[in-house]
PDB file of N, CA and C in Angstrom:
ATOM      1  N   MET A   1     -42.173  30.878 -15.948  1.00  0.00           N
ATOM      2  CA  MET A   1     -42.306  31.333 -14.653  1.00  0.00           C
ATOM      3  C   MET A   1     -43.814  31.484 -14.356  1.00  0.00           C
ATOM      4  N   GLY A   2     -44.261  31.055 -13.154  1.00  0.00           N
ATOM      5  CA  GLY A   2     -45.626  31.093 -12.725  1.00  0.00           C
ATOM      6  C   GLY A   2     -46.261  32.360 -12.436  1.00  0.00           C
ATOM      7  N   ASP A   3     -47.509  32.500 -12.257  1.00  0.00           N
ATOM      8  CA  ASP A   3     -48.091  33.838 -11.984  1.00  0.00           C
ATOM      9  C   ASP A   3     -47.744  34.054 -10.547  1.00  0.00           C
ATOM     10  N   ALA A   4     -47.615  35.387 -10.279  1.00  0.00           N
ATOM     11  CA  ALA A   4     -47.377  35.919  -8.920  1.00  0.00           C
ATOM     12  C   ALA A   4     -48.507  35.589  -7.979  1.00  0.00           C
ATOM     13  N   THR A   5     -48.193  35.236  -6.706  1.00  0.00           N
ATOM     14  CA  THR A   5     -49.337  34.867  -5.817  1.00  0.00           C
ATOM     15  C   THR A   5     -49.387  35.927  -4.657  1.00  0.00           C
ATOM     16  N   GLN A   6     -50.463  36.024  -4.135  1.00  0.00           N
ATOM     17  CA  GLN A   6     -50.690  36.996  -2.985  1.00  0.00           C
ATOM     18  C   GLN A   6     -51.383  36.118  -1.836  1.00  0.00           C
ATOM     19  N   LYS A   7     -50.978  36.310  -0.609  1.00  0.00           N
ATOM     20  CA  LYS A   7     -51.781  35.589   0.553  1.00  0.00           C
ATOM     21  C   LYS A   7     -52.949  36.429   0.863  1.00  0.00           C
ATOM     22  N   PHE A   8     -54.086  35.683   1.175  1.00  0.00           N
ATOM     23  CA  PHE A   8     -55.234  36.268   1.644  1.00  0.00           C
ATOM     24  C   PHE A   8     -55.780  35.491   2.846  1.00  0.00           C
ATOM     25  N   SER A   9     -56.512  36.287   3.729  1.00  0.00           N
ATOM     26  CA  SER A   9     -57.238  35.551   4.773  1.00  0.00           C
ATOM     27  C   SER A   9     -58.668  35.659   4.513  1.00  0.00           C
ATOM     28  N   ILE A  10     -59.281  34.381   4.487  1.00  0.00           N
ATOM     29  CA  ILE A  10     -60.652  34.299   4.170  1.00  0.00           C
ATOM     30  C   ILE A  10     -61.346  33.712   5.296  1.00  0.00           C
ATOM     31  N   THR A  11     -62.783  33.839   5.393  1.00  0.00           N
ATOM     32  CA  THR A  11     -63.442  33.218   6.463  1.00  0.00           C
ATOM     33  C   THR A  11     -64.518  32.389   5.786  1.00  0.00           C
ATOM     34  N   MET A  12     -64.669  31.046   6.275  1.00  0.00           N
ATOM     35  CA  MET A  12     -65.696  30.091   5.676  1.00  0.00           C
ATOM     36  C   MET A  12     -66.194  29.219   6.733  1.00  0.00           C
ATOM     37  N   PRO A  13     -67.319  28.635   6.708  1.00  0.00           N
ATOM     38  CA  PRO A  13     -67.698  27.719   7.705  1.00  0.00           C
ATOM     39  C   PRO A  13     -66.781  26.494   7.849  1.00  0.00           C
ATOM     40  N   SER A  14     -66.519  26.057   9.013  1.00  0.00           N
ATOM     41  CA  SER A  14     -65.430  25.099   9.289  1.00  0.00           C
ATOM     42  C   SER A  14     -65.797  23.752   8.697  1.00  0.00           C
ATOM     43  N   ASP A  15     -67.080  23.447   8.410  1.00  0.00           N
ATOM     44  CA  ASP A  15     -67.330  22.114   7.870  1.00  0.00           C
ATOM     45  C   ASP A  15     -66.953  22.118   6.372  1.00  0.00           C
ATOM     46  N   ILE A  16     -67.173  23.213   5.752  1.00  0.00           N
ATOM     47  CA  ILE A  16     -66.838  23.512   4.264  1.00  0.00           C
ATOM     48  C   ILE A  16     -65.168  23.482   4.193  1.00  0.00           C
ATOM     49  N   ALA A  17     -64.609  24.137   5.042  1.00  0.00           N
ATOM     50  CA  ALA A  17     -63.066  24.223   5.040  1.00  0.00           C
ATOM     51  C   ALA A  17     -62.479  22.962   5.186  1.00  0.00           C
ATOM     52  N   GLU A  18     -63.045  22.010   6.079  1.00  0.00           N
ATOM     53  CA  GLU A  18     -62.485  20.695   6.360  1.00  0.00           C
ATOM     54  C   GLU A  18     -62.651  19.745   5.170  1.00  0.00           C
ATOM     55  N   GLN A  19     -63.853  19.903   4.593  1.00  0.00           N
ATOM     56  CA  GLN A  19     -64.118  19.127   3.323  1.00  0.00           C
ATOM     57  C   GLN A  19     -63.175  19.646   2.189  1.00  0.00           C
ATOM     58  N   ALA A  20     -63.006  20.790   2.066  1.00  0.00           N
ATOM     59  CA  ALA A  20     -62.104  21.463   0.930  1.00  0.00           C
ATOM     60  C   ALA A  20     -60.589  20.933   1.302  1.00  0.00           C
ATOM     61  N   LYS A  21     -60.275  20.916   2.547  1.00  0.00           N
ATOM     62  CA  LYS A  21     -58.926  20.497   2.905  1.00  0.00           C
ATOM     63  C   LYS A  21     -58.723  19.007   2.446  1.00  0.00           C
ATOM     64  N   ALA A  22     -59.816  18.140   2.846  1.00  0.00           N
ATOM     65  CA  ALA A  22     -59.729  16.762   2.456  1.00  0.00           C
ATOM     66  C   ALA A  22     -59.600  16.501   0.936  1.00  0.00           C
ATOM     67  N   ARG A  23     -60.392  17.313   0.115  1.00  0.00           N
ATOM     68  CA  ARG A  23     -60.418  17.191  -1.294  1.00  0.00           C
ATOM     69  C   ARG A  23     -59.224  17.773  -1.839  1.00  0.00           C
ATOM     70  N   GLY A  24     -58.514  18.694  -1.231  1.00  0.00           N
ATOM     71  CA  GLY A  24     -57.464  19.351  -1.832  1.00  0.00           C
ATOM     72  C   GLY A  24     -56.238  18.378  -1.883  1.00  0.00           C
ATOM     73  N   GLY A  25     -56.092  17.344  -1.003  1.00  0.00           N
ATOM     74  CA  GLY A  25     -55.169  16.443  -1.093  1.00  0.00           C
ATOM     75  C   GLY A  25     -53.739  16.947  -0.998  1.00  0.00           C
ATOM     76  N   PRO A  26     -52.822  16.382  -1.611  1.00  0.00           N
ATOM     77  CA  PRO A  26     -51.401  16.946  -1.654  1.00  0.00           C
ATOM     78  C   PRO A  26     -51.247  18.238  -2.168  1.00  0.00           C
ATOM     79  N   SER A  27     -52.174  18.859  -3.069  1.00  0.00           N
ATOM     80  CA  SER A  27     -52.078  20.164  -3.620  1.00  0.00           C
ATOM     81  C   SER A  27     -52.358  21.077  -2.512  1.00  0.00           C
ATOM     82  N   GLY A  28     -53.289  20.775  -1.597  1.00  0.00           N
ATOM     83  CA  GLY A  28     -53.636  21.721  -0.514  1.00  0.00           C
ATOM     84  C   GLY A  28     -54.850  22.516  -0.654  1.00  0.00           C
ATOM     85  N   LEU A  29     -55.201  23.163   0.394  1.00  0.00           N
ATOM     86  CA  LEU A  29     -56.424  23.995   0.423  1.00  0.00           C
ATOM     87  C   LEU A  29     -56.273  25.094  -0.530  1.00  0.00           C
ATOM     88  N   SER A  30     -55.220  25.779  -0.656  1.00  0.00           N
ATOM     89  CA  SER A  30     -55.066  26.913  -1.496  1.00  0.00           C
ATOM     90  C   SER A  30     -55.301  26.531  -3.078  1.00  0.00           C
ATOM     91  N   SER A  31     -54.764  25.458  -3.377  1.00  0.00           N
ATOM     92  CA  SER A  31     -54.988  25.023  -4.863  1.00  0.00           C
ATOM     93  C   SER A  31     -56.485  24.768  -4.969  1.00  0.00           C
ATOM     94  N   TYR A  32     -57.136  24.122  -4.118  1.00  0.00           N
ATOM     95  CA  TYR A  32     -58.470  23.674  -4.204  1.00  0.00           C
ATOM     96  C   TYR A  32     -59.368  24.938  -4.271  1.00  0.00           C
ATOM     97  N   VAL A  33     -59.056  25.903  -3.406  1.00  0.00           N
ATOM     98  CA  VAL A  33     -59.891  27.084  -3.371  1.00  0.00           C
ATOM     99  C   VAL A  33     -59.560  28.015  -4.639  1.00  0.00           C
ATOM    100  N   THR A  34     -58.412  27.954  -5.144  1.00  0.00           N
ATOM    101  CA  THR A  34     -58.043  28.802  -6.351  1.00  0.00           C
ATOM    102  C   THR A  34     -58.788  28.157  -7.514  1.00  0.00           C
ATOM    103  N   ALA A  35     -58.854  26.818  -7.617  1.00  0.00           N
ATOM    104  CA  ALA A  35     -59.605  26.198  -8.744  1.00  0.00           C
ATOM    105  C   ALA A  35     -61.079  26.579  -8.680  1.00  0.00           C
ATOM    106  N   ALA A  36     -61.621  26.556  -7.555  1.00  0.00           N
ATOM    107  CA  ALA A  36     -62.983  26.818  -7.197  1.00  0.00           C
ATOM    108  C   ALA A  36     -63.400  28.315  -7.652  1.00  0.00           C
ATOM    109  N   VAL A  37     -62.521  29.128  -7.322  1.00  0.00           N
ATOM    110  CA  VAL A  37     -62.823  30.648  -7.531  1.00  0.00           C
ATOM    111  C   VAL A  37     -62.542  30.819  -9.124  1.00  0.00           C
ATOM    112  N   ALA A  38     -61.708  30.101  -9.714  1.00  0.00           N
ATOM    113  CA  ALA A  38     -61.476  30.320 -11.210  1.00  0.00           C
ATOM    114  C   ALA A  38     -62.607  29.755 -11.908  1.00  0.00           C
ATOM    115  N   ARG A  39     -63.313  28.654 -11.468  1.00  0.00           N
ATOM    116  CA  ARG A  39     -64.451  28.177 -12.101  1.00  0.00           C
ATOM    117  C   ARG A  39     -65.589  29.150 -11.930  1.00  0.00           C
ATOM    118  N   GLN A  40     -65.821  29.767 -10.719  1.00  0.00           N
ATOM    119  CA  GLN A  40     -66.817  30.653 -10.538  1.00  0.00           C
ATOM    120  C   GLN A  40     -66.647  31.913 -11.400  1.00  0.00           C
ATOM    121  N   LEU A  41     -65.462  32.388 -11.547  1.00  0.00           N
ATOM    122  CA  LEU A  41     -65.101  33.579 -12.526  1.00  0.00           C
ATOM    123  C   LEU A  41     -65.478  33.134 -13.875  1.00  0.00           C
ATOM    124  N   GLU A  42     -65.272  32.066 -14.432  1.00  0.00           N
ATOM    125  CA  GLU A  42     -65.670  31.533 -15.639  1.00  0.00           C
ATOM    126  C   GLU A  42     -67.136  31.657 -15.818  1.00  0.00           C
ATOM    127  N   ARG A  43     -67.805  31.086 -14.844  1.00  0.00           N
ATOM    128  CA  ARG A  43     -69.303  31.080 -14.815  1.00  0.00           C
ATOM    129  C   ARG A  43     -69.851  32.538 -14.831  1.00  0.00           C
ATOM    130  N   ASP A  44     -69.299  33.372 -14.081  1.00  0.00           N
ATOM    131  CA  ASP A  44     -69.737  34.827 -13.931  1.00  0.00           C
ATOM    132  C   ASP A  44     -69.508  35.440 -15.317  1.00  0.00           C
ATOM    133  N   ASN A  45     -68.345  35.282 -15.960  1.00  0.00           N
ATOM    134  CA  ASN A  45     -68.107  35.794 -17.215  1.00  0.00           C
ATOM    135  C   ASN A  45     -69.015  35.301 -18.286  1.00  0.00           C
ATOM    136  N   LEU A  46     -69.473  33.929 -18.219  1.00  0.00           N
ATOM    137  CA  LEU A  46     -70.286  33.465 -19.238  1.00  0.00           C
ATOM    138  C   LEU A  46     -71.747  34.079 -19.028  1.00  0.00           C
ATOM    139  N   ALA A  47     -72.030  34.239 -17.747  1.00  0.00           N
ATOM    140  CA  ALA A  47     -73.413  34.855 -17.422  1.00  0.00           C
ATOM    141  C   ALA A  47     -73.393  36.122 -17.931  1.00  0.00           C
ATOM    142  N   GLU A  48     -72.437  37.055 -17.828  1.00  0.00           N
ATOM    143  CA  GLU A  48     -72.360  38.308 -18.432  1.00  0.00           C
ATOM    144  C   GLU A  48     -72.470  38.224 -20.034  1.00  0.00           C
ATOM    145  N   LEU A  49     -71.846  37.332 -20.628  1.00  0.00           N
ATOM    146  CA  LEU A  49     -71.889  37.273 -22.069  1.00  0.00           C
ATOM    147  C   LEU A  49     -73.331  36.934 -22.439  1.00  0.00           C
ATOM    148  N   ILE A  50     -73.888  35.975 -21.862  1.00  0.00           N
ATOM    149  CA  ILE A  50     -75.269  35.602 -22.038  1.00  0.00           C
ATOM    150  C   ILE A  50     -76.303  36.660 -21.941  1.00  0.00           C
ATOM    151  N   ALA A  51     -76.008  37.524 -20.870  1.00  0.00           N
ATOM    152  CA  ALA A  51     -76.895  38.609 -20.633  1.00  0.00           C
ATOM    153  C   ALA A  51     -76.764  39.762 -21.753  1.00  0.00           C
ATOM    154  N   VAL A  52     -75.518  40.029 -22.234  1.00  0.00           N
ATOM    155  CA  VAL A  52     -75.369  40.891 -23.303  1.00  0.00           C
ATOM    156  C   VAL A  52     -75.980  40.339 -24.572  1.00  0.00           C
ATOM    157  N   ALA A  53     -75.819  39.058 -24.901  1.00  0.00           N
ATOM    158  CA  ALA A  53     -76.415  38.500 -26.130  1.00  0.00           C
ATOM    159  C   ALA A  53     -77.958  38.563 -26.131  1.00  0.00           C
ATOM    160  N   GLU A  54     -78.501  38.163 -24.935  1.00  0.00           N
ATOM    161  CA  GLU A  54     -79.906  38.243 -24.792  1.00  0.00           C
ATOM    162  C   GLU A  54     -80.410  39.622 -24.859  1.00  0.00           C
ATOM    163  N   ALA A  55     -79.677  40.604 -24.397  1.00  0.00           N
ATOM    164  CA  ALA A  55     -80.206  42.014 -24.424  1.00  0.00           C
ATOM    165  C   ALA A  55     -80.229  42.473 -25.984  1.00  0.00           C
ATOM    166  N   GLU A  56     -79.261  41.912 -26.738  1.00  0.00           N
ATOM    167  CA  GLU A  56     -79.085  42.331 -28.099  1.00  0.00           C
ATOM    168  C   GLU A  56     -80.078  41.595 -28.979  1.00  0.00           C
ATOM    169  N   HIS A  57     -80.287  40.319 -28.657  1.00  0.00           N
ATOM    170  CA  HIS A  57     -80.973  39.355 -29.624  1.00  0.00           C
ATOM    171  C   HIS A  57     -82.273  38.762 -29.057  1.00  0.00           C
ATOM    172  N   GLY A  58     -82.494  38.968 -27.754  1.00  0.00           N
ATOM    173  CA  GLY A  58     -83.685  38.393 -27.094  1.00  0.00           C
ATOM    174  C   GLY A  58     -83.365  37.193 -26.436  1.00  0.00           C
ATOM    175  N   PRO A  59     -84.176  36.720 -25.473  1.00  0.00           N
ATOM    176  CA  PRO A  59     -83.864  35.425 -24.737  1.00  0.00           C
ATOM    177  C   PRO A  59     -83.960  34.256 -25.637  1.00  0.00           C
ATOM    178  N   VAL A  60     -83.193  33.254 -25.192  1.00  0.00           N
ATOM    179  CA  VAL A  60     -83.290  31.946 -25.951  1.00  0.00           C
ATOM    180  C   VAL A  60     -84.416  31.115 -25.334  1.00  0.00           C
ATOM    181  N   SER A  61     -85.289  30.531 -26.166  1.00  0.00           N
ATOM    182  CA  SER A  61     -86.408  29.833 -25.636  1.00  0.00           C
ATOM    183  C   SER A  61     -85.921  28.483 -25.288  1.00  0.00           C
ATOM    184  N   ASP A  62     -86.748  27.705 -24.391  1.00  0.00           N
ATOM    185  CA  ASP A  62     -86.525  26.343 -24.010  1.00  0.00           C
ATOM    186  C   ASP A  62     -86.483  25.371 -25.253  1.00  0.00           C
ATOM    187  N   GLU A  63     -87.264  25.753 -26.198  1.00  0.00           N
ATOM    188  CA  GLU A  63     -87.342  24.858 -27.451  1.00  0.00           C
ATOM    189  C   GLU A  63     -85.965  25.061 -28.278  1.00  0.00           C
ATOM    190  N   GLU A  64     -85.504  26.299 -28.282  1.00  0.00           N
ATOM    191  CA  GLU A  64     -84.148  26.498 -28.909  1.00  0.00           C
ATOM    192  C   GLU A  64     -83.128  25.679 -28.239  1.00  0.00           C
ATOM    193  N   VAL A  65     -83.171  25.697 -26.962  1.00  0.00           N
ATOM    194  CA  VAL A  65     -82.191  24.995 -26.180  1.00  0.00           C
ATOM    195  C   VAL A  65     -82.140  23.507 -26.454  1.00  0.00           C
ATOM    196  N   GLN A  66     -83.447  22.978 -26.372  1.00  0.00           N
ATOM    197  CA  GLN A  66     -83.608  21.517 -26.496  1.00  0.00           C
ATOM    198  C   GLN A  66     -83.143  21.199 -27.921  1.00  0.00           C
ATOM    199  N   ASP A  67     -83.482  22.021 -29.052  1.00  0.00           N
ATOM    200  CA  ASP A  67     -83.115  21.796 -30.362  1.00  0.00           C
ATOM    201  C   ASP A  67     -81.587  21.671 -30.457  1.00  0.00           C
ATOM    202  N   LYS A  68     -80.821  22.594 -29.865  1.00  0.00           N
ATOM    203  CA  LYS A  68     -79.403  22.670 -29.833  1.00  0.00           C
ATOM    204  C   LYS A  68     -78.879  21.447 -29.150  1.00  0.00           C
ATOM    205  N   ARG A  69     -79.446  21.060 -28.091  1.00  0.00           N
ATOM    206  CA  ARG A  69     -78.912  19.889 -27.351  1.00  0.00           C
ATOM    207  C   ARG A  69     -79.134  18.549 -28.225  1.00  0.00           C
ATOM    208  N   GLU A  70     -80.241  18.583 -28.906  1.00  0.00           N
ATOM    209  CA  GLU A  70     -80.545  17.437 -29.748  1.00  0.00           C
ATOM    210  C   GLU A  70     -79.510  17.358 -30.882  1.00  0.00           C
ATOM    211  N   GLN A  71     -79.252  18.574 -31.543  1.00  0.00           N
ATOM    212  CA  GLN A  71     -78.225  18.560 -32.626  1.00  0.00           C
ATOM    213  C   GLN A  71     -76.921  18.117 -32.144  1.00  0.00           C
ATOM    214  N   LEU A  72     -76.475  18.566 -30.819  1.00  0.00           N
ATOM    215  CA  LEU A  72     -75.221  18.139 -30.333  1.00  0.00           C
ATOM    216  C   LEU A  72     -75.151  16.700 -30.034  1.00  0.00           C
ATOM    217  N   ARG A  73     -76.283  16.045 -29.490  1.00  0.00           N
ATOM    218  CA  ARG A  73     -76.355  14.620 -29.227  1.00  0.00           C
ATOM    219  C   ARG A  73     -76.147  13.782 -30.599  1.00  0.00           C
ATOM    220  N   ARG A  74     -76.915  14.297 -31.683  1.00  0.00           N
ATOM    221  CA  ARG A  74     -76.724  13.594 -32.934  1.00  0.00           C
ATOM    222  C   ARG A  74     -75.339  13.662 -33.413  1.00  0.00           C
ATOM    223  N   ALA A  75     -74.762  14.846 -33.286  1.00  0.00           N
ATOM    224  CA  ALA A  75     -73.466  15.057 -33.799  1.00  0.00           C
ATOM    225  C   ALA A  75     -72.401  14.177 -33.051  1.00  0.00           C
ATOM    226  N   GLN A  76     -72.569  14.011 -31.732  1.00  0.00           N
ATOM    227  CA  GLN A  76     -71.733  13.134 -30.930  1.00  0.00           C
ATOM    228  C   GLN A  76     -71.817  11.628 -31.361  1.00  0.00           C
ATOM    229  N   GLU A  77     -73.191  11.263 -31.595  1.00  0.00           N
ATOM    230  CA  GLU A  77     -73.503   9.866 -32.017  1.00  0.00           C
ATOM    231  C   GLU A  77     -72.895   9.603 -33.338  1.00  0.00           C
ATOM    232  N   HIS A  78     -72.979  10.521 -34.229  1.00  0.00           N
ATOM    233  CA  HIS A  78     -72.537  10.397 -35.630  1.00  0.00           C
ATOM    234  C   HIS A  78     -70.889  10.299 -35.549  1.00  0.00           C
ATOM    235  N   GLY A  79     -70.297  11.019 -34.770  1.00  0.00           N
ATOM    236  CA  GLY A  79     -68.889  10.990 -34.549  1.00  0.00           C
ATOM    237  C   GLY A  79     -68.357   9.812 -33.960  1.00  0.00           C
ATOM    238  N   SER A  80     -69.102   9.095 -32.997  1.00  0.00           N
ATOM    239  CA  SER A  80     -68.666   7.922 -32.396  1.00  0.00           C
ATOM    240  C   SER A  80     -69.011   6.675 -33.129  1.00  0.00           C
ATOM    241  N   THR A  81     -69.838   6.693 -34.128  1.00  0.00           N
ATOM    242  CA  THR A  81     -70.183   5.580 -34.927  1.00  0.00           C
ATOM    243  C   THR A  81     -69.421   5.473 -36.223  1.00  0.00           C
ATOM    244  N   GLY A  82     -68.252   6.052 -36.296  1.00  0.00           N
ATOM    245  CA  GLY A  82     -67.377   6.000 -37.553  1.00  0.00           C
ATOM    246  C   GLY A  82     -67.006   4.534 -37.835  1.00  0.00           C
ATOM    247  N   SER A  83     -66.741   4.267 -39.063  1.00  0.00           N
ATOM    248  CA  SER A  83     -66.425   2.883 -39.375  1.00  0.00           C
ATOM    249  C   SER A  83     -64.960   2.533 -38.808  1.00  0.00           C
ATOM    250  N   THR A  84     -64.887   1.207 -38.555  1.00  0.00           N
ATOM    251  CA  THR A  84     -63.434   0.827 -38.185  1.00  0.00           C
ATOM    252  C   THR A  84     -62.998  -0.279 -39.045  1.00  0.00           C
ATOM    253  N   ALA A  85     -61.731  -0.293 -39.226  1.00  0.00           N
ATOM    254  CA  ALA A  85     -61.155  -1.457 -40.201  1.00  0.00           C
ATOM    255  C   ALA A  85     -61.022  -2.613 -39.429  1.00  0.00           C
ATOM    256  N   ALA A  86     -61.474  -3.817 -40.131  1.00  0.00           N
ATOM    257  CA  ALA A  86     -61.331  -5.109 -39.532  1.00  0.00           C
ATOM    258  C   ALA A  86     -59.951  -5.835 -39.775  1.00  0.00           C
TER     259      ALA A  86
END
């Protein structure tokens, strides 16, 4: 069984509403707005986690971020260059 739903009335600029309706397609505006709000909630939760971690451990430097990105890039390259049987 799906989650219970509730009807809300929201106000937004008409140009944004029209674009959202067009992008919602057959699923409709409600599904599109629900997905957008869910993504924003995930971002808000992540921002809160980062703030707590930085308060406890200090901020992450740009160098540390770049180092982790490079490690991830190398790991992805290594994973995609596996040998294939001929």
